[in-house]
């Protein structure tokens, strides 16, 4: 079913004129226009609310994801250095060269 063309609109208007009469037709048109305007306003409000909620959720999950990603970056890839001095008396970061 495609869009309503000019011939279809003329047929609809003629049928509405016959059913409702010339006195009621302008009043029905106004009320239909008001109803469509209210529906459009309500749907725009709903869309704006949903978009705002999605943005808030993405911001929340983005912050959560970035904090999770930063944790592995804080850990070093260097091997752990012993906190106690080895028995040989050589500092763990200095190479062991024969003395």
Protein backbone atom coordinates (compact mmCIF):
# COMPACT_ATOMS: atom_id res chain seq x y z
CA UNK A 1 0.00 0.00 0.00
CA UNK A 2 1.64 3.18 -1.20
CA UNK A 3 1.15 6.82 -0.30
CA UNK A 4 -2.25 8.42 -0.73
CA UNK A 5 -2.37 10.38 -3.99
CA UNK A 6 -4.56 13.25 -5.17
CA UNK A 7 -7.36 11.07 -6.62
CA UNK A 8 -7.62 9.06 -3.39
CA UNK A 9 -7.74 12.27 -1.31
CA UNK A 10 -10.56 13.66 -3.46
CA UNK A 11 -12.57 10.44 -3.02
CA UNK A 12 -12.01 10.53 0.78
CA UNK A 13 -13.09 14.20 0.97
CA UNK A 14 -16.23 13.56 -1.11
CA UNK A 15 -17.20 10.60 1.10
CA UNK A 16 -16.55 12.67 4.26
CA UNK A 17 -18.65 15.53 2.85
CA UNK A 18 -21.53 13.14 2.11
CA UNK A 19 -21.34 11.41 5.51
CA UNK A 20 -20.79 14.42 7.80
CA UNK A 21 -22.27 17.28 5.77
CA UNK A 22 -20.84 20.68 4.93
CA UNK A 23 -21.46 22.14 8.41
CA UNK A 24 -19.61 19.48 10.40
CA UNK A 25 -16.68 19.02 7.99
CA UNK A 26 -14.66 22.15 9.04
CA UNK A 27 -15.16 21.29 12.71
CA UNK A 28 -13.97 17.71 12.12
CA UNK A 29 -10.95 19.01 10.20
CA UNK A 30 -9.97 21.30 13.07
CA UNK A 31 -10.34 18.58 15.68
CA UNK A 32 -8.40 16.14 13.50
CA UNK A 33 -5.61 18.72 13.07
CA UNK A 34 -5.46 19.34 16.82
CA UNK A 35 -5.35 15.61 17.51
CA UNK A 36 -2.54 15.07 15.00
CA UNK A 37 -0.61 18.01 16.50
CA UNK A 38 -0.93 16.58 20.02
CA UNK A 39 0.10 13.15 18.81
CA UNK A 40 3.15 14.60 17.05
CA UNK A 41 4.13 16.57 20.18
CA UNK A 42 3.74 13.50 22.39
CA UNK A 43 5.79 11.32 20.03
CA UNK A 44 8.56 13.96 19.87
CA UNK A 45 8.61 14.16 23.68
CA UNK A 46 8.84 10.38 23.89
CA UNK A 47 11.65 10.28 21.31
CA UNK A 48 13.57 13.05 23.15
CA UNK A 49 13.17 11.23 26.46
CA UNK A 50 14.38 7.95 24.97
CA UNK A 51 17.36 9.65 23.32
CA UNK A 52 18.29 11.32 26.61
CA UNK A 53 18.03 8.02 28.49
CA UNK A 54 20.19 6.30 25.87
CA UNK A 55 22.81 9.06 26.14
CA UNK A 56 22.84 8.77 29.93
CA UNK A 57 23.18 4.98 29.72
CA UNK A 58 25.98 5.21 27.15
CA UNK A 59 27.78 7.78 29.30
CA UNK A 60 27.39 5.52 32.33
CA UNK A 61 28.61 2.38 30.55
CA UNK A 62 31.36 4.38 28.81
CA UNK A 63 32.67 5.59 32.17
CA UNK A 64 32.42 2.08 33.58
CA UNK A 65 34.20 0.60 30.56
CA UNK A 66 36.98 3.20 30.60
CA UNK A 67 37.60 2.60 34.32
CA UNK A 68 37.79 -1.14 33.64
CA UNK A 69 40.19 -0.54 30.75
CA UNK A 70 42.44 1.68 32.86
CA UNK A 71 43.02 -1.01 35.47
CA UNK A 72 45.20 -3.23 33.22
CA UNK A 73 47.13 -0.15 32.08
CA UNK A 74 48.10 0.60 35.66
CA UNK A 75 49.76 -2.79 36.05
CA UNK A 76 53.32 -2.96 34.76
CA UNK A 77 54.57 -5.54 32.33
CA UNK A 78 57.97 -5.53 34.03
CA UNK A 79 58.87 -8.60 36.06
CA UNK A 80 58.36 -8.31 39.77
CA UNK A 81 61.43 -7.21 41.72
CA UNK A 82 62.14 -9.05 44.93
CA UNK A 83 61.81 -6.84 47.97
CA UNK A 84 64.43 -8.71 49.94
CA UNK A 85 68.09 -8.62 48.97
CA UNK A 86 69.41 -11.84 47.48
CA UNK A 87 71.88 -13.92 49.47
CA UNK A 88 74.77 -12.94 47.21
CA UNK A 89 74.51 -9.31 48.35
CA UNK A 90 74.00 -7.98 44.79
CA UNK A 91 71.22 -5.47 44.34
CA UNK A 92 68.39 -7.08 42.26
CA UNK A 93 68.53 -4.37 39.55
CA UNK A 94 72.32 -4.52 39.13
CA UNK A 95 73.81 -7.18 36.90
CA UNK A 96 75.70 -9.91 38.67
CA UNK A 97 79.27 -9.53 37.51
CA UNK A 98 81.93 -11.66 39.06
CA UNK A 99 83.97 -9.72 41.63
